[in-house]
Protein backbone atom coordinates (compact mmCIF):
# COMPACT_ATOMS: atom_id res chain seq x y z
CA GLU A 1 24.29 -35.12 89.68
CA SER A 2 24.03 -36.57 93.18
CA GLN A 3 27.75 -36.02 93.66
CA ILE A 4 27.44 -32.37 92.59
CA VAL A 5 24.69 -31.83 95.17
CA THR A 6 26.87 -33.39 97.87
CA ASP A 7 29.95 -31.40 96.77
CA LEU A 8 27.92 -28.18 97.10
CA GLY A 9 26.89 -29.11 100.65
CA GLY A 10 23.45 -30.48 99.84
CA GLU A 11 21.92 -33.85 100.44
CA VAL A 12 20.03 -36.15 98.09
CA LEU A 13 16.99 -37.33 100.02
CA GLY A 14 15.46 -39.95 97.73
CA ASP A 15 11.91 -40.55 98.91
CA ASN A 16 12.16 -38.38 102.04
CA ILE A 17 9.62 -35.70 101.20
CA GLU A 18 9.52 -34.09 104.64
CA ASP A 19 12.96 -32.50 104.43
CA CYS A 20 13.03 -31.83 100.68
CA THR A 21 13.69 -28.16 99.86
CA VAL A 22 14.14 -28.48 96.08
CA LEU A 23 12.96 -31.18 93.66
CA VAL A 24 15.00 -31.76 90.49
CA THR A 25 13.24 -33.41 87.55
CA ASP A 26 13.06 -33.22 83.78
CA LYS A 27 9.25 -33.17 83.45
CA ILE A 28 5.97 -32.88 85.30
CA ARG A 29 4.92 -36.21 86.77
CA ARG A 30 1.91 -37.28 88.78
CA THR A 31 3.91 -39.19 91.35
CA THR A 32 3.28 -38.90 95.07
CA LYS A 33 6.61 -37.12 95.54
CA PHE A 34 5.95 -34.59 92.76
CA LEU A 35 2.41 -33.84 93.94
CA CYS A 36 3.62 -33.46 97.53
CA MET A 37 6.26 -30.95 96.45
CA VAL A 38 3.70 -28.99 94.43
CA ALA A 39 1.31 -29.02 97.39
CA LYS A 40 4.06 -27.73 99.71
CA GLY A 41 5.23 -25.05 97.26
CA VAL A 42 8.74 -26.50 97.06
CA PRO A 43 10.66 -25.23 94.00
CA ILE A 44 10.66 -27.87 91.27
CA VAL A 45 13.61 -27.25 89.01
CA CYS A 46 15.15 -28.53 85.81
CA PRO A 47 18.48 -30.39 85.93
CA ALA A 48 20.26 -27.25 84.65
CA TRP A 49 19.94 -25.87 88.21
CA ILE A 50 22.47 -28.47 89.35
CA THR A 51 24.94 -27.91 86.52
CA GLN A 52 24.67 -24.11 86.76
CA SER A 53 25.10 -24.30 90.54
CA LYS A 54 28.22 -26.42 90.06
CA ALA A 55 29.65 -23.82 87.67
CA ALA A 56 28.89 -21.09 90.22
CA GLY A 57 30.37 -23.11 93.10
CA ALA A 58 27.21 -22.70 95.19
CA PHE A 59 23.51 -23.42 94.97
CA LEU A 60 21.78 -20.80 92.87
CA ASP A 61 18.28 -19.47 93.55
CA PRO A 62 16.04 -22.42 92.59
CA TRP A 63 13.15 -20.08 91.77
CA GLN A 64 15.16 -18.91 88.76
CA TYR A 65 15.23 -22.50 87.41
CA ILE A 66 11.61 -23.61 87.79
CA LEU A 67 10.87 -26.50 85.43
CA LYS A 68 9.26 -25.53 82.14
CA ASP A 69 7.31 -28.42 80.63
CA GLU A 70 4.96 -26.91 78.07
CA GLU A 71 3.62 -30.27 76.88
CA ASN A 72 2.52 -31.43 80.33
CA GLU A 73 1.48 -27.97 81.50
CA LYS A 74 -0.90 -27.90 78.53
CA ARG A 75 -1.99 -31.49 79.20
CA PHE A 76 -2.84 -30.73 82.84
CA GLY A 77 -4.13 -27.20 82.17
CA MET A 78 -1.68 -25.44 84.47
CA LYS A 79 1.50 -23.39 84.77
CA LEU A 80 3.84 -25.01 87.28
CA GLU A 81 5.43 -21.76 88.40
CA ILE A 82 2.06 -20.14 89.13
CA THR A 83 0.81 -23.20 91.03
CA LEU A 84 4.00 -23.31 93.13
CA MET A 85 3.70 -19.62 93.98
CA GLN A 86 0.07 -20.13 95.03
CA ALA A 87 1.16 -22.98 97.32
CA VAL A 88 3.86 -20.78 98.86
CA ARG A 89 1.26 -18.08 99.65
CA LYS A 90 -1.35 -20.49 101.04
CA PRO A 91 -1.29 -24.29 101.36
CA LEU A 92 -3.34 -25.67 98.47
CA LEU A 93 -5.48 -27.96 100.63
CA ALA A 94 -5.76 -25.78 103.73
CA SER A 95 -9.16 -25.98 105.42
CA LEU A 96 -9.99 -29.29 103.70
CA THR A 97 -10.54 -32.54 105.58
CA MET A 98 -10.53 -35.78 103.62
CA HIS A 99 -10.97 -39.49 103.98
CA VAL A 100 -9.84 -41.86 101.21
CA THR A 101 -11.57 -45.20 100.77
CA LYS A 102 -9.51 -48.42 100.66
CA LYS A 103 -9.54 -49.28 96.96
CA VAL A 104 -8.58 -45.85 95.58
CA THR A 105 -5.32 -45.76 93.64
CA PRO A 106 -2.81 -44.51 94.48
CA PRO A 107 -3.49 -46.08 97.90
CA PRO A 108 -4.79 -44.09 100.89
CA ASP A 109 -1.35 -43.86 102.55
CA GLN A 110 -0.01 -41.98 99.51
CA PHE A 111 -3.07 -39.72 99.45
CA LYS A 112 -2.42 -39.04 103.13
CA GLU A 113 1.05 -37.70 102.27
CA ILE A 114 -0.31 -35.50 99.48
CA ILE A 115 -3.20 -34.16 101.59
CA GLU A 116 -0.99 -33.36 104.58
CA CYS A 117 1.74 -31.77 102.42
CA GLY A 118 -0.99 -29.52 101.03
CA GLY A 119 -2.05 -28.40 104.51
CA GLY A 120 -5.17 -30.55 104.58
CA THR A 121 -6.31 -32.95 107.28
CA TYR A 122 -6.41 -36.67 106.54
CA LEU A 123 -8.99 -38.84 108.28
CA SER A 124 -8.16 -42.54 108.57
CA SER A 125 -11.86 -43.27 109.20
CA PRO A 126 -14.85 -41.83 107.36
CA PRO A 127 -16.12 -38.53 108.79
CA ALA A 128 -18.96 -38.84 111.27
CA ALA A 129 -21.04 -36.18 109.54
CA PRO A 130 -20.98 -33.94 106.48
CA GLY A 131 -19.63 -30.42 106.75
CA GLU A 132 -18.00 -27.61 104.87
CA GLY A 133 -14.62 -28.66 103.48
CA ILE A 134 -15.12 -32.32 104.39
CA TYR A 135 -14.75 -34.78 101.51
CA VAL A 136 -14.48 -38.49 100.89
CA ILE A 137 -12.27 -39.54 97.98
CA SER A 138 -13.55 -42.79 96.53
CA CYS A 139 -13.86 -44.97 93.45
CA PRO A 140 -16.42 -47.36 91.93
CA GLU A 141 -14.49 -50.35 93.33
CA ASP A 142 -15.51 -49.21 96.84
CA LYS A 143 -19.19 -49.52 95.94
CA ALA A 144 -20.34 -50.99 99.28
CA ALA A 145 -18.69 -48.26 101.36
CA LEU A 146 -19.77 -45.62 98.87
CA THR A 147 -23.47 -46.40 99.21
CA LYS A 148 -23.33 -46.00 102.98
CA LEU A 149 -21.26 -42.81 102.78
CA ARG A 150 -23.62 -41.24 100.22
CA ARG A 151 -26.62 -41.98 102.44
CA SER A 152 -24.96 -40.09 105.28
CA GLY A 153 -24.83 -36.95 103.11
CA LEU A 154 -21.04 -36.77 102.78
CA SER A 155 -19.47 -35.09 99.75
CA ILE A 156 -17.95 -37.86 97.62
CA MET A 157 -15.27 -36.97 95.07
CA GLU A 158 -13.17 -38.95 92.62
CA LYS A 159 -9.39 -39.06 93.02
CA GLU A 160 -8.92 -36.42 90.32
CA PHE A 161 -10.32 -33.88 92.76
CA ILE A 162 -6.91 -34.10 94.46
CA LEU A 163 -4.58 -35.41 91.74
CA SER A 164 -5.58 -32.85 89.12
CA GLY A 165 -6.70 -30.20 91.57
CA ILE A 166 -3.23 -29.80 93.10
CA LEU A 167 -1.72 -29.15 89.69
CA LYS A 168 -4.16 -26.34 88.94
């Protein structure tokens, strides 16, 4: 499939999410790359897009090949096509500012990618004060930091706030 993409004038980017304009996959996954593409509103297509494009001799409209994964759409309570269209209209995390504590998994650097792809602002240090749209993503393993952050009145959320929230 990589050769077909190249033959049609495209480029396979691997882990380079910044320049990705279409993501090809066979199912919904909760990987950093997948969540970033959802957050950016990048078309996520089934592999048939590549084979059909090859037959046509040019890349076809990816929006006509949006991945259908009924099992995982039901599991995550979402419709991928609707979520992608919402992200195209307005970044899913616009107006949100977030800090992620050290022991959250996936690690903070991956959350940073997801948050920024979704139009949010990532803070490498905890926010100085609470405010509208300001959140700290944390986990029980960060208990010491969590106690201090809670005392300061910050809104503390679990990782699913982002990981599941983007898919809905």
